[in-house]
Amino acid sequence: MAELKVLNRKRGTIKARFTQFKNYLDELVGDSSDIKLDKVDLIDLESRMNKIQSSLLELEDVQRDIELMVSDDDFENQVDQRLQLESSFHQLISIGKKILSDNADADIPDNNKI
């Protein structure tokens, strides 16, 4: 049972990363549907997307272990949680990829020259 508690905590940490990435995207996007980013912001977004994508792989491992340990009564609830988390993840990645795509061909200013 202690191992299940540890796994739930790990899942909570991964969920927190998803929330942080969502908050970052919300701040980046704001109310605008047409976002133009400078090079540093694009690199930052790409870096954050790489990190969040590795978090999905970690989530899959943790969630699988949780599902193997829970009782039959709780199994369906755990599968539902997996589906919700994966859906949220894919939505966030789609938003990030759209922002990158929208800025791919633009003449991107480098506003952060030293």
Protein backbone atom coordinates (compact mmCIF):
# COMPACT_ATOMS: atom_id res chain seq x y z
CA MET A 1 0.00 0.00 0.00
CA ALA A 2 2.92 2.35 0.69
CA GLU A 3 4.13 1.83 -2.87
CA LEU A 4 0.70 2.88 -4.19
CA LYS A 5 0.94 6.07 -2.15
CA VAL A 6 4.34 6.82 -3.69
CA LEU A 7 2.98 6.19 -7.18
CA ASN A 8 0.02 8.49 -6.56
CA ARG A 9 2.41 11.19 -5.40
CA LYS A 10 4.53 10.73 -8.54
CA ARG A 11 1.38 11.04 -10.65
CA GLY A 12 0.49 14.21 -8.75
CA THR A 13 3.90 15.65 -9.53
CA ILE A 14 3.42 14.90 -13.23
CA LYS A 15 -0.05 16.48 -13.15
CA ALA A 16 1.53 19.57 -11.60
CA ARG A 17 3.96 19.76 -14.55
CA PHE A 18 0.99 19.63 -16.94
CA THR A 19 -0.67 22.43 -14.99
CA GLN A 20 2.50 24.53 -15.09
CA PHE A 21 2.75 24.04 -18.85
CA LYS A 22 -0.93 24.94 -19.27
CA ASN A 23 -0.42 28.12 -17.23
CA TYR A 24 2.62 28.97 -19.36
CA LEU A 25 0.59 28.51 -22.56
CA ASP A 26 -2.31 30.54 -21.16
CA GLU A 27 0.08 33.38 -20.34
CA LEU A 28 1.75 33.11 -23.74
CA VAL A 29 -1.50 33.05 -25.69
CA GLY A 30 -3.56 35.43 -23.58
CA ASP A 31 -6.69 36.51 -25.45
CA SER A 32 -5.02 36.50 -28.84
CA SER A 33 -5.38 33.82 -31.46
CA ASP A 34 -2.53 35.29 -33.55
CA ILE A 35 0.66 35.04 -31.53
CA LYS A 36 4.00 36.25 -32.84
CA LEU A 37 6.96 35.20 -30.75
CA ASP A 38 10.59 36.18 -30.88
CA LYS A 39 13.31 33.55 -31.27
CA VAL A 40 14.01 33.21 -27.56
CA ASP A 41 10.33 32.62 -26.79
CA LEU A 42 10.11 30.01 -29.55
CA ILE A 43 13.15 28.17 -28.24
CA ASP A 44 11.70 28.36 -24.73
CA LEU A 45 8.40 26.90 -25.94
CA GLU A 46 10.17 24.08 -27.79
CA SER A 47 12.22 23.27 -24.69
CA ARG A 48 9.13 23.20 -22.48
CA MET A 49 7.30 21.00 -24.99
CA ASN A 50 10.18 18.50 -25.00
CA LYS A 51 10.08 18.37 -21.21
CA ILE A 52 6.31 17.89 -21.06
CA GLN A 53 6.47 15.16 -23.71
CA SER A 54 8.95 13.23 -21.58
CA SER A 55 6.51 13.68 -18.69
CA LEU A 56 3.87 11.79 -20.68
CA LEU A 57 6.19 8.80 -20.94
CA GLU A 58 6.75 8.96 -17.20
CA LEU A 59 3.00 9.24 -16.62
CA GLU A 60 2.36 6.14 -18.71
CA ASP A 61 4.79 4.12 -16.58
CA VAL A 62 3.44 5.41 -13.26
CA GLN A 63 -0.20 5.04 -14.29
CA ARG A 64 0.39 1.50 -15.53
CA ASP A 65 1.93 0.57 -12.18
CA ILE A 66 -1.00 2.14 -10.33
CA GLU A 67 -3.51 0.26 -12.47
CA LEU A 68 -1.72 -3.02 -11.75
CA MET A 69 -1.87 -2.42 -8.00
CA VAL A 70 -5.41 -1.14 -7.42
CA SER A 71 -8.41 -3.29 -6.62
CA ASP A 72 -10.85 -4.28 -9.32
CA ASP A 73 -13.33 -1.78 -7.86
CA ASP A 74 -10.92 1.13 -8.41
CA PHE A 75 -9.51 -0.02 -11.75
CA GLU A 76 -12.11 1.74 -13.92
CA ASN A 77 -11.60 4.99 -12.00
CA GLN A 78 -7.86 4.76 -12.65
CA VAL A 79 -8.39 4.16 -16.36
CA ASP A 80 -10.68 7.21 -16.48
CA GLN A 81 -7.97 9.28 -14.81
CA ARG A 82 -5.47 8.07 -17.41
CA LEU A 83 -7.78 9.04 -20.25
CA GLN A 84 -8.41 12.51 -18.79
CA LEU A 85 -4.72 13.17 -18.26
CA GLU A 86 -3.77 11.96 -21.72
CA SER A 87 -6.52 14.06 -23.30
CA SER A 88 -5.32 17.16 -21.44
CA PHE A 89 -1.76 16.43 -22.45
CA HIS A 90 -2.58 16.08 -26.13
CA GLN A 91 -4.61 19.28 -26.08
CA LEU A 92 -1.69 21.18 -24.54
CA ILE A 93 0.79 19.78 -27.04
CA SER A 94 -1.56 20.66 -29.91
CA ILE A 95 -1.73 24.26 -28.73
CA GLY A 96 2.05 24.42 -28.44
CA LYS A 97 2.57 22.89 -31.88
CA LYS A 98 0.07 25.33 -33.41
CA ILE A 99 1.96 28.26 -31.92
CA LEU A 100 5.24 26.89 -33.29
CA SER A 101 3.65 26.24 -36.68
CA ASP A 102 2.13 29.72 -36.84
CA ASN A 103 5.55 31.21 -36.18
CA ALA A 104 7.58 28.85 -38.39
CA ASP A 105 7.49 30.93 -41.56
CA ALA A 106 7.23 34.34 -39.97
CA ASP A 107 10.06 36.83 -39.98
CA ILE A 108 10.78 36.42 -36.29
CA PRO A 109 12.44 39.33 -34.55
CA ASP A 110 15.28 38.69 -32.16
CA ASN A 111 14.25 41.10 -29.42
CA ASN A 112 16.71 39.72 -26.91
CA LYS A 113 20.05 40.66 -28.43
CA ILE A 114 22.77 41.23 -25.91
